[in-house]
């Protein structure tokens, strides 16, 4: 990413504390403040890789409900970044389910919206769904599309 215009801030899962919305917001505020100091403006884009991992954030609720809750949280961040009048772009990366992968193999890499793994809220909240397909030959060579 060197030489590209702008700044990139990477946050690993170990930096998110207990995966609560409060810890996410605290980390977002820290990064946004750093972005403002370094560039004169705050964060423009948030990428979450991948949304299904957050299902472990709450253990006393079923995973689908947890994912849906966090998708809604990220959607709200998109519309009102850190409870301000700023809007940012948010990209949530998601896995496709096994049926989706089988379907994509037979349909030139295409997926249906029902193939998004575990979270109907992803489909409801999304402005766009972009699918990236990898076939078995590419997986063997460790190349990615």
C-alpha atoms as a PDB file:
ATOM      1  CA  UNK A   1       0.000   0.000   0.000  1.00  0.00           C
ATOM      2  CA  UNK A   2       3.027   2.248   0.017  1.00  0.00           C
ATOM      3  CA  UNK A   3       2.813   5.035  -2.495  1.00  0.00           C
ATOM      4  CA  UNK A   4      -0.965   5.085  -2.497  1.00  0.00           C
ATOM      5  CA  UNK A   5      -2.698   8.313  -1.656  1.00  0.00           C
ATOM      6  CA  UNK A   6      -4.230   8.433   1.814  1.00  0.00           C
ATOM      7  CA  UNK A   7      -3.735   6.437   4.990  1.00  0.00           C
ATOM      8  CA  UNK A   8      -4.591   2.855   5.878  1.00  0.00           C
ATOM      9  CA  UNK A   9      -5.221   1.789   9.470  1.00  0.00           C
ATOM     10  CA  UNK A  10      -5.385  -1.932  10.230  1.00  0.00           C
ATOM     11  CA  UNK A  11      -6.899  -3.243  13.440  1.00  0.00           C
ATOM     12  CA  UNK A  12      -6.484  -6.860  14.461  1.00  0.00           C
ATOM     13  CA  UNK A  13      -9.039  -8.781  16.450  1.00  0.00           C
ATOM     14  CA  UNK A  14      -6.837  -8.685  19.564  1.00  0.00           C
ATOM     15  CA  UNK A  15      -7.197  -4.876  19.582  1.00  0.00           C
ATOM     16  CA  UNK A  16     -10.989  -4.988  19.833  1.00  0.00           C
ATOM     17  CA  UNK A  17     -11.231  -6.032  23.443  1.00  0.00           C
ATOM     18  CA  UNK A  18     -14.460  -7.855  24.169  1.00  0.00           C
ATOM     19  CA  UNK A  19     -16.008  -7.327  20.703  1.00  0.00           C
ATOM     20  CA  UNK A  20     -18.698  -5.146  22.248  1.00  0.00           C
ATOM     21  CA  UNK A  21     -20.151  -2.227  20.329  1.00  0.00           C
ATOM     22  CA  UNK A  22     -18.589   0.006  22.973  1.00  0.00           C
ATOM     23  CA  UNK A  23     -15.098  -1.387  22.285  1.00  0.00           C
ATOM     24  CA  UNK A  24     -15.643  -1.041  18.521  1.00  0.00           C
ATOM     25  CA  UNK A  25     -16.690   2.601  18.947  1.00  0.00           C
ATOM     26  CA  UNK A  26     -13.724   3.317  21.224  1.00  0.00           C
ATOM     27  CA  UNK A  27     -11.314   1.897  18.621  1.00  0.00           C
ATOM     28  CA  UNK A  28     -13.097   3.797  15.824  1.00  0.00           C
ATOM     29  CA  UNK A  29     -12.787   7.065  17.792  1.00  0.00           C
ATOM     30  CA  UNK A  30      -9.084   6.417  18.393  1.00  0.00           C
ATOM     31  CA  UNK A  31      -8.455   5.784  14.689  1.00  0.00           C
ATOM     32  CA  UNK A  32     -10.639   8.678  13.551  1.00  0.00           C
ATOM     33  CA  UNK A  33      -8.746  11.047  15.862  1.00  0.00           C
ATOM     34  CA  UNK A  34      -5.429   9.767  14.481  1.00  0.00           C
ATOM     35  CA  UNK A  35      -6.727  10.166  10.901  1.00  0.00           C
ATOM     36  CA  UNK A  36      -7.754  13.766  11.630  1.00  0.00           C
ATOM     37  CA  UNK A  37      -4.330  14.523  13.129  1.00  0.00           C
ATOM     38  CA  UNK A  38      -2.496  12.973  10.180  1.00  0.00           C
ATOM     39  CA  UNK A  39      -4.665  14.056   7.263  1.00  0.00           C
ATOM     40  CA  UNK A  40      -6.910  16.885   8.385  1.00  0.00           C
ATOM     41  CA  UNK A  41     -10.020  14.770   7.981  1.00  0.00           C
ATOM     42  CA  UNK A  42     -11.252  11.564   9.538  1.00  0.00           C
ATOM     43  CA  UNK A  43     -11.986   8.078   8.316  1.00  0.00           C
ATOM     44  CA  UNK A  44     -13.713   7.760   4.931  1.00  0.00           C
ATOM     45  CA  UNK A  45     -14.056   3.981   4.660  1.00  0.00           C
ATOM     46  CA  UNK A  46     -14.401   1.108   7.109  1.00  0.00           C
ATOM     47  CA  UNK A  47     -13.861  -2.500   5.978  1.00  0.00           C
ATOM     48  CA  UNK A  48     -14.829  -5.351   8.317  1.00  0.00           C
ATOM     49  CA  UNK A  49     -13.305  -8.731   7.456  1.00  0.00           C
ATOM     50  CA  UNK A  50     -15.404 -10.692   7.993  1.00  0.00           C
ATOM     51  CA  UNK A  51     -18.751 -10.147   9.647  1.00  0.00           C
ATOM     52  CA  UNK A  52     -19.384 -13.794  10.595  1.00  0.00           C
ATOM     53  CA  UNK A  53     -16.458 -13.760  13.045  1.00  0.00           C
ATOM     54  CA  UNK A  54     -18.377 -11.317  15.221  1.00  0.00           C
ATOM     55  CA  UNK A  55     -21.002 -13.973  15.979  1.00  0.00           C
ATOM     56  CA  UNK A  56     -18.829 -14.958  18.939  1.00  0.00           C
ATOM     57  CA  UNK A  57     -19.159 -11.484  20.504  1.00  0.00           C
ATOM     58  CA  UNK A  58     -22.228 -12.430  22.519  1.00  0.00           C
ATOM     59  CA  UNK A  59     -22.460 -15.974  23.843  1.00  0.00           C
ATOM     60  CA  UNK A  60     -25.947 -15.991  25.373  1.00  0.00           C
ATOM     61  CA  UNK A  61     -27.707 -15.137  22.055  1.00  0.00           C
ATOM     62  CA  UNK A  62     -27.904 -17.246  18.900  1.00  0.00           C
ATOM     63  CA  UNK A  63     -25.190 -16.402  16.336  1.00  0.00           C
ATOM     64  CA  UNK A  64     -27.558 -15.207  13.588  1.00  0.00           C
ATOM     65  CA  UNK A  65     -29.120 -12.664  15.949  1.00  0.00           C
ATOM     66  CA  UNK A  66     -25.644 -11.452  16.955  1.00  0.00           C
ATOM     67  CA  UNK A  67     -24.553 -11.029  13.332  1.00  0.00           C
ATOM     68  CA  UNK A  68     -27.762  -9.191  12.481  1.00  0.00           C
ATOM     69  CA  UNK A  69     -27.285  -6.922  15.495  1.00  0.00           C
ATOM     70  CA  UNK A  70     -23.738  -6.021  14.408  1.00  0.00           C
ATOM     71  CA  UNK A  71     -24.702  -5.534  10.759  1.00  0.00           C
ATOM     72  CA  UNK A  72     -27.282  -3.044  11.973  1.00  0.00           C
ATOM     73  CA  UNK A  73     -24.608  -1.386  14.151  1.00  0.00           C
ATOM     74  CA  UNK A  74     -22.220  -1.011  11.193  1.00  0.00           C
ATOM     75  CA  UNK A  75     -25.056   0.310   9.024  1.00  0.00           C
ATOM     76  CA  UNK A  76     -25.715   2.990  11.625  1.00  0.00           C
ATOM     77  CA  UNK A  77     -21.995   3.863  11.643  1.00  0.00           C
ATOM     78  CA  UNK A  78     -22.191   4.269   7.880  1.00  0.00           C
ATOM     79  CA  UNK A  79     -25.109   6.691   8.161  1.00  0.00           C
ATOM     80  CA  UNK A  80     -23.874   8.565  11.239  1.00  0.00           C
ATOM     81  CA  UNK A  81     -20.165   7.993  11.867  1.00  0.00           C
ATOM     82  CA  UNK A  82     -19.573   7.941  15.606  1.00  0.00           C
ATOM     83  CA  UNK A  83     -22.951   9.621  16.210  1.00  0.00           C
ATOM     84  CA  UNK A  84     -22.070  12.709  14.171  1.00  0.00           C
ATOM     85  CA  UNK A  85     -23.464  14.154  10.957  1.00  0.00           C
ATOM     86  CA  UNK A  86     -20.651  12.498   8.952  1.00  0.00           C
ATOM     87  CA  UNK A  87     -21.393   9.551   6.691  1.00  0.00           C
ATOM     88  CA  UNK A  88     -18.740   7.060   5.629  1.00  0.00           C
ATOM     89  CA  UNK A  89     -18.646   4.009   3.383  1.00  0.00           C
ATOM     90  CA  UNK A  90     -18.718   0.674   5.193  1.00  0.00           C
ATOM     91  CA  UNK A  91     -17.847  -2.609   3.503  1.00  0.00           C
ATOM     92  CA  UNK A  92     -18.738  -5.787   5.366  1.00  0.00           C
ATOM     93  CA  UNK A  93     -17.021  -8.850   3.972  1.00  0.00           C
ATOM     94  CA  UNK A  94     -19.091 -11.989   4.305  1.00  0.00           C
ATOM     95  CA  UNK A  95     -18.726 -15.642   3.513  1.00  0.00           C
ATOM     96  CA  UNK A  96     -21.104 -17.422   1.193  1.00  0.00           C
ATOM     97  CA  UNK A  97     -22.702 -20.619   2.432  1.00  0.00           C
ATOM     98  CA  UNK A  98     -21.886 -24.045   0.955  1.00  0.00           C
ATOM     99  CA  UNK A  99     -24.982 -24.002  -1.272  1.00  0.00           C
ATOM    100  CA  UNK A 100     -23.795 -20.692  -2.668  1.00  0.00           C
ATOM    101  CA  UNK A 101     -20.382 -22.083  -3.520  1.00  0.00           C
ATOM    102  CA  UNK A 102     -21.924 -25.100  -5.274  1.00  0.00           C
ATOM    103  CA  UNK A 103     -24.281 -22.802  -7.175  1.00  0.00           C
ATOM    104  CA  UNK A 104     -21.399 -20.514  -8.207  1.00  0.00           C
ATOM    105  CA  UNK A 105     -19.446 -23.480  -9.575  1.00  0.00           C
ATOM    106  CA  UNK A 106     -22.333 -24.225 -11.966  1.00  0.00           C
ATOM    107  CA  UNK A 107     -23.192 -20.594 -12.825  1.00  0.00           C
ATOM    108  CA  UNK A 108     -19.925 -18.952 -13.862  1.00  0.00           C
ATOM    109  CA  UNK A 109     -19.150 -17.639 -10.366  1.00  0.00           C
ATOM    110  CA  UNK A 110     -22.587 -16.088  -9.740  1.00  0.00           C
ATOM    111  CA  UNK A 111     -24.230 -16.164  -6.321  1.00  0.00           C
ATOM    112  CA  UNK A 112     -27.776 -15.474  -5.226  1.00  0.00           C
ATOM    113  CA  UNK A 113     -28.533 -13.152  -2.318  1.00  0.00           C
ATOM    114  CA  UNK A 114     -29.763 -16.154  -0.321  1.00  0.00           C
ATOM    115  CA  UNK A 115     -26.222 -17.543  -0.437  1.00  0.00           C
ATOM    116  CA  UNK A 116     -24.852 -14.941   1.987  1.00  0.00           C
ATOM    117  CA  UNK A 117     -23.945 -16.986   5.046  1.00  0.00           C
ATOM    118  CA  UNK A 118     -26.014 -16.619   8.198  1.00  0.00           C
ATOM    119  CA  UNK A 119     -27.274 -13.050   8.061  1.00  0.00           C
ATOM    120  CA  UNK A 120     -30.449 -11.879   6.369  1.00  0.00           C
ATOM    121  CA  UNK A 121     -29.682  -8.419   7.780  1.00  0.00           C
ATOM    122  CA  UNK A 122     -26.651  -8.186   5.469  1.00  0.00           C
ATOM    123  CA  UNK A 123     -28.945  -8.373   2.460  1.00  0.00           C
ATOM    124  CA  UNK A 124     -31.465  -5.935   3.945  1.00  0.00           C
ATOM    125  CA  UNK A 125     -28.836  -3.374   4.937  1.00  0.00           C
ATOM    126  CA  UNK A 126     -26.667  -3.611   1.828  1.00  0.00           C
ATOM    127  CA  UNK A 127     -26.611  -1.030  -0.924  1.00  0.00           C
ATOM    128  CA  UNK A 128     -24.529  -3.384  -3.054  1.00  0.00           C
ATOM    129  CA  UNK A 129     -23.485  -7.008  -2.838  1.00  0.00           C
ATOM    130  CA  UNK A 130     -20.298  -7.872  -4.703  1.00  0.00           C
ATOM    131  CA  UNK A 131     -19.350 -11.517  -4.960  1.00  0.00           C
ATOM    132  CA  UNK A 132     -15.848 -12.827  -5.431  1.00  0.00           C
ATOM    133  CA  UNK A 133     -15.629 -16.417  -6.589  1.00  0.00           C
ATOM    134  CA  UNK A 134     -12.652 -18.748  -6.410  1.00  0.00           C
ATOM    135  CA  UNK A 135     -12.707 -22.074  -8.197  1.00  0.00           C
ATOM    136  CA  UNK A 136     -10.923 -25.248  -7.063  1.00  0.00           C
ATOM    137  CA  UNK A 137      -7.982 -24.785  -9.477  1.00  0.00           C
ATOM    138  CA  UNK A 138      -7.238 -21.324  -8.134  1.00  0.00           C
ATOM    139  CA  UNK A 139      -7.518 -22.541  -4.539  1.00  0.00           C
ATOM    140  CA  UNK A 140      -4.899 -25.224  -5.232  1.00  0.00           C
ATOM    141  CA  UNK A 141      -2.446 -22.650  -6.636  1.00  0.00           C
ATOM    142  CA  UNK A 142      -3.146 -20.230  -3.759  1.00  0.00           C
ATOM    143  CA  UNK A 143      -4.093 -17.424  -6.170  1.00  0.00           C
ATOM    144  CA  UNK A 144      -7.061 -15.158  -5.414  1.00  0.00           C
ATOM    145  CA  UNK A 145      -9.452 -13.244  -7.615  1.00  0.00           C
END
